[in-house]
Amino acid sequence: MRKRRKKIKRKPDGFRDVFIERRSFRSLITSAIEVYNRETNGALLGRNAVREINGRKMKVVSVKEAYPFQTEKRTPSEVIHGNISAFKRVLRAFESLKTEIIGGYHSHPYPYGGFVALSEGDVTSIKEDIEAMVKIGQERVRRGWIELLLSIKRKDYKRPGKKEWYICDYVKKLRVRLRTKEKTGYDVLVSAYWVYPKEKFGEKPIKEMKFGVKEVAVYVPWIIE
C-alpha cells in the first residue's frame, strides 16, 4: 500500500517575506531616529529576489532603497503628506527613472498605542497612496503593498557606555538597539505587513475597496558593513 504524501503548505508567492538590504536598513533606522518623537515615512523600492537566509535559499521581496519623504507633516501619532504636489513629483520621478515602488514605511513612537500593528488609519493612508501610484502607472502595487513599521522608543541609561548597536531576531520581527550617546539610545522594533486587495480593481474606487493585512517575516544581513 502506497503511503499518502503529506501536503506541504506553501506560502503564496504574493506574500513573500521581506529582506532589507544593507543600505536600506541604515536609511530606515536613521530616518526613524532623525524625527523622533514624531513619525517618519517614505517609499520602498525593490523587487522579488532570492536570498540565503539561515542556510537556505528563500524567495523574498528585496528592499533595495528606502526614500524618506521630506515635506511631510509629522506629529507623535500621525504623519500625512504636507505637500501633495511634492509627493506627486516624487512619484512621477520614480516612474520616469523606471523605478518600481513596492510599498512604504513609517514609524510609531513609543508607547505604540498599546500594541505593535498597523492601525485603521495606516491602512486608509496606504490605500490613498496606492490610488495615487496606480494613476501614474505604478502597476505592482495593485498586487499588494509592503509596509514596514518601525516602532521606536528612546532609552536612557544610568551608566555611560560606548556607541554601539546590535540586532535581536524575533519570530517575525527584528529588534534593533543603538546607543547614540554615552547615556542615550534607541530601541526600534521592525515588522513587515502585506496590505492586499480583497476585491478586483476597477469595480469601485480604491478608497471603498476592502483590503486585508498579513504580517510576514523580516530579515536583514547579519553583517552590516
Protein backbone atom coordinates (compact mmCIF):
# COMPACT_ATOMS: atom_id res chain seq x y z
CA MET A 1 0.00 0.00 0.00
CA ARG A 2 1.47 3.32 -1.06
CA LYS A 3 1.76 5.92 1.66
CA ARG A 4 -0.03 9.18 1.05
CA ARG A 5 2.29 12.15 0.98
CA LYS A 6 1.64 14.85 3.49
CA LYS A 7 0.58 18.06 1.83
CA ILE A 8 3.09 20.83 2.46
CA LYS A 9 1.55 24.23 2.97
CA ARG A 10 3.40 26.68 0.82
CA LYS A 11 3.38 30.42 1.34
CA PRO A 12 1.63 32.15 -1.60
CA ASP A 13 4.15 33.89 -3.85
CA GLY A 14 2.27 37.13 -3.23
CA PHE A 15 3.04 37.02 0.49
CA ARG A 16 6.81 36.75 0.35
CA ASP A 17 8.87 37.56 3.42
CA VAL A 18 10.89 40.79 3.33
CA PHE A 19 14.68 41.14 3.13
CA ILE A 20 16.04 44.62 3.88
CA GLU A 21 19.34 45.25 2.09
CA ARG A 22 22.22 46.93 3.94
CA ARG A 23 21.84 50.45 2.55
CA SER A 24 18.08 50.43 3.04
CA PHE A 25 18.46 49.18 6.60
CA ARG A 26 20.65 52.16 7.51
CA SER A 27 18.24 54.62 5.87
CA LEU A 28 15.19 53.21 7.65
CA ILE A 29 16.68 53.23 11.13
CA THR A 30 18.25 56.66 10.73
CA SER A 31 15.03 58.11 9.29
CA ALA A 32 13.06 56.99 12.37
CA ILE A 33 15.65 58.38 14.77
CA GLU A 34 16.02 61.71 12.94
CA VAL A 35 12.44 62.88 13.54
CA TYR A 36 11.87 61.25 16.94
CA ASN A 37 9.45 61.83 18.78
CA ARG A 38 7.39 62.23 15.58
CA GLU A 39 6.52 59.76 12.84
CA THR A 40 8.69 59.26 9.79
CA ASN A 41 7.53 57.79 6.48
CA GLY A 42 8.68 57.14 2.96
CA ALA A 43 8.65 54.86 -0.08
CA LEU A 44 10.23 51.44 -0.50
CA LEU A 45 11.91 50.50 -3.77
CA GLY A 46 12.83 46.94 -4.67
CA ARG A 47 11.95 43.70 -6.43
CA ASN A 48 11.39 39.98 -5.97
CA ALA A 49 14.65 38.13 -5.30
CA VAL A 50 16.21 35.01 -3.80
CA ARG A 51 18.38 35.38 -0.69
CA GLU A 52 20.16 32.85 1.50
CA ILE A 53 18.64 33.06 4.98
CA ASN A 54 19.59 30.75 7.86
CA GLY A 55 21.43 28.46 5.48
CA ARG A 56 18.69 28.06 2.87
CA LYS A 57 17.63 29.97 -0.22
CA MET A 58 14.30 31.75 0.07
CA LYS A 59 12.07 33.75 -2.26
CA VAL A 60 11.71 37.20 -0.74
CA VAL A 61 10.91 40.79 -1.56
CA SER A 62 14.21 42.65 -1.52
CA VAL A 63 14.05 46.25 -0.24
CA LYS A 64 16.81 47.90 -2.29
CA GLU A 65 16.19 51.52 -1.25
CA ALA A 66 14.16 53.48 1.29
CA TYR A 67 13.28 57.05 0.31
CA PRO A 68 12.10 59.32 3.20
CA PHE A 69 9.53 61.93 2.15
CA GLN A 70 10.90 65.35 3.06
CA THR A 71 7.80 67.57 3.05
CA GLU A 72 5.55 65.62 5.42
CA LYS A 73 3.50 66.98 8.30
CA ARG A 74 4.57 64.99 11.36
CA THR A 75 3.20 64.51 14.88
CA PRO A 76 3.88 61.84 17.57
CA SER A 77 0.77 59.93 16.41
CA GLU A 78 0.36 60.76 12.72
CA VAL A 79 2.20 61.60 9.53
CA ILE A 80 0.50 62.92 6.38
CA HIS A 81 1.62 64.36 3.07
CA GLY A 82 2.23 68.01 3.88
CA ASN A 83 2.67 68.94 0.22
CA ILE A 84 0.63 66.85 -2.24
CA SER A 85 2.34 68.44 -5.25
CA ALA A 86 5.76 67.46 -3.86
CA PHE A 87 4.53 63.90 -3.17
CA LYS A 88 3.28 63.56 -6.75
CA ARG A 89 6.58 64.93 -8.10
CA VAL A 90 8.40 62.15 -6.26
CA LEU A 91 6.09 59.51 -7.72
CA ARG A 92 6.50 60.86 -11.25
CA ALA A 93 10.28 61.00 -10.83
CA PHE A 94 10.37 57.34 -9.78
CA GLU A 95 8.19 56.42 -12.76
CA SER A 96 10.45 58.33 -15.19
CA LEU A 97 13.50 56.60 -13.69
CA LYS A 98 11.82 53.22 -14.31
CA THR A 99 11.89 52.53 -10.56
CA GLU A 100 9.37 50.11 -9.08
CA ILE A 101 7.70 51.14 -5.83
CA ILE A 102 6.89 48.09 -3.70
CA GLY A 103 5.38 49.86 -0.70
CA GLY A 104 6.22 52.24 2.10
CA TYR A 105 7.31 52.59 5.69
CA HIS A 106 6.53 54.68 8.74
CA SER A 107 7.29 54.80 12.45
CA HIS A 108 5.22 54.64 15.63
CA PRO A 109 7.00 56.40 18.51
CA TYR A 110 6.57 54.76 21.92
CA PRO A 111 4.14 53.95 23.56
CA TYR A 112 2.96 52.38 20.26
CA GLY A 113 -0.73 52.68 21.18
CA GLY A 114 -0.50 49.59 23.39
CA PHE A 115 0.45 47.11 20.62
CA VAL A 116 2.59 46.78 17.51
CA ALA A 117 0.43 46.61 14.37
CA LEU A 118 -0.93 48.71 11.54
CA SER A 119 -3.84 50.90 12.59
CA GLU A 120 -7.01 51.51 10.58
CA GLY A 121 -5.64 54.98 9.81
CA ASP A 122 -2.43 53.41 8.47
CA VAL A 123 -4.41 51.19 6.08
CA THR A 124 -6.52 54.16 4.92
CA SER A 125 -3.36 56.16 4.17
CA ILE A 126 -1.86 53.20 2.30
CA LYS A 127 -4.99 52.89 0.13
CA GLU A 128 -4.69 56.60 -0.72
CA ASP A 129 -1.04 56.12 -1.73
CA ILE A 130 -1.91 53.05 -3.83
CA GLU A 131 -4.56 55.09 -5.65
CA ALA A 132 -2.06 57.88 -6.37
CA MET A 133 0.56 55.42 -7.63
CA VAL A 134 -1.82 53.48 -9.85
CA LYS A 135 -2.81 56.75 -11.53
CA ILE A 136 0.78 57.42 -12.64
CA GLY A 137 1.44 53.87 -13.84
CA GLN A 138 2.95 52.08 -10.84
CA GLU A 139 1.26 48.73 -11.52
CA ARG A 140 2.99 46.49 -8.98
CA VAL A 141 1.10 47.96 -6.02
CA ARG A 142 -2.13 46.55 -7.46
CA ARG A 143 -0.95 43.08 -6.37
CA GLY A 144 -0.13 44.11 -2.82
CA TRP A 145 1.75 46.67 -0.81
CA ILE A 146 4.61 46.05 1.64
CA GLU A 147 4.54 48.31 4.70
CA LEU A 148 7.43 48.33 7.16
CA LEU A 149 6.53 49.56 10.63
CA LEU A 150 9.32 50.94 12.85
CA SER A 151 8.13 51.03 16.46
CA ILE A 152 10.68 53.22 18.20
CA LYS A 153 11.37 54.39 21.74
CA ARG A 154 14.22 56.29 23.31
CA LYS A 155 16.32 54.58 26.00
CA ASP A 156 18.12 56.49 28.75
CA TYR A 157 20.92 54.60 30.50
CA LYS A 158 22.06 55.18 34.08
CA ARG A 159 25.63 54.24 33.30
CA PRO A 160 27.64 55.69 30.41
CA GLY A 161 28.69 53.35 27.62
CA LYS A 162 30.28 53.36 24.19
CA LYS A 163 28.35 53.92 20.97
CA GLU A 164 27.20 50.58 19.60
CA TRP A 165 24.31 48.70 18.01
CA TYR A 166 23.03 45.15 17.71
CA ILE A 167 20.08 43.16 16.34
CA CYS A 168 17.80 40.71 18.16
CA ASP A 169 15.94 38.23 15.94
CA TYR A 170 12.31 37.51 16.88
CA VAL A 171 9.94 35.01 15.25
CA LYS A 172 8.92 37.50 12.54
CA LYS A 173 10.16 40.87 13.77
CA LEU A 174 13.60 42.36 14.29
CA ARG A 175 14.65 44.48 17.28
CA VAL A 176 17.45 46.95 16.64
CA ARG A 177 19.14 48.67 19.57
CA LEU A 178 21.51 51.60 19.09
CA ARG A 179 23.40 53.66 21.65
CA THR A 180 23.99 57.06 20.03
CA LYS A 181 25.45 58.86 23.06
CA GLU A 182 27.03 57.70 26.31
CA LYS A 183 23.67 57.60 28.10
CA THR A 184 21.18 57.72 25.21
CA GLY A 185 19.99 55.10 22.76
CA TYR A 186 17.01 53.93 20.71
CA ASP A 187 15.07 50.68 20.57
CA VAL A 188 13.49 50.03 17.14
CA LEU A 189 11.17 47.08 16.54
CA VAL A 190 10.84 46.38 12.79
CA SER A 191 7.82 44.49 11.44
CA ALA A 192 6.56 43.87 7.90
CA TYR A 193 3.00 43.65 6.54
CA TRP A 194 1.36 42.92 3.22
CA VAL A 195 -1.64 45.17 2.60
CA TYR A 196 -3.53 43.47 -0.23
CA PRO A 197 -6.82 43.99 -2.11
CA LYS A 198 -9.68 41.60 -1.43
CA GLU A 199 -11.62 42.92 -4.43
CA LYS A 200 -10.86 43.45 -8.11
CA PHE A 201 -9.55 46.83 -9.16
CA GLY A 202 -11.86 48.89 -11.34
CA GLU A 203 -15.17 47.77 -9.86
CA LYS A 204 -15.22 50.60 -7.31
CA PRO A 205 -12.92 53.43 -6.13
CA ILE A 206 -9.83 52.16 -4.29
CA LYS A 207 -10.79 54.07 -1.14
CA GLU A 208 -14.01 52.00 -0.98
CA MET A 209 -12.30 48.64 -1.60
CA LYS A 210 -11.68 46.08 1.14
CA PHE A 211 -8.03 45.33 1.91
CA GLY A 212 -6.51 42.64 4.10
CA VAL A 213 -3.36 42.83 6.24
CA LYS A 214 -0.94 39.94 6.69
CA GLU A 215 2.25 40.07 8.75
CA VAL A 216 5.32 38.36 7.27
CA ALA A 217 8.86 37.82 8.50
CA VAL A 218 11.51 40.50 8.02
CA TYR A 219 15.24 39.82 7.62
CA VAL A 220 18.45 41.83 7.26
CA PRO A 221 22.08 40.82 6.50
CA TRP A 222 23.78 39.94 9.76
CA ILE A 223 26.90 41.76 8.66
CA ILE A 224 26.19 45.46 8.02
CA GLU A 225 29.47 46.80 6.64
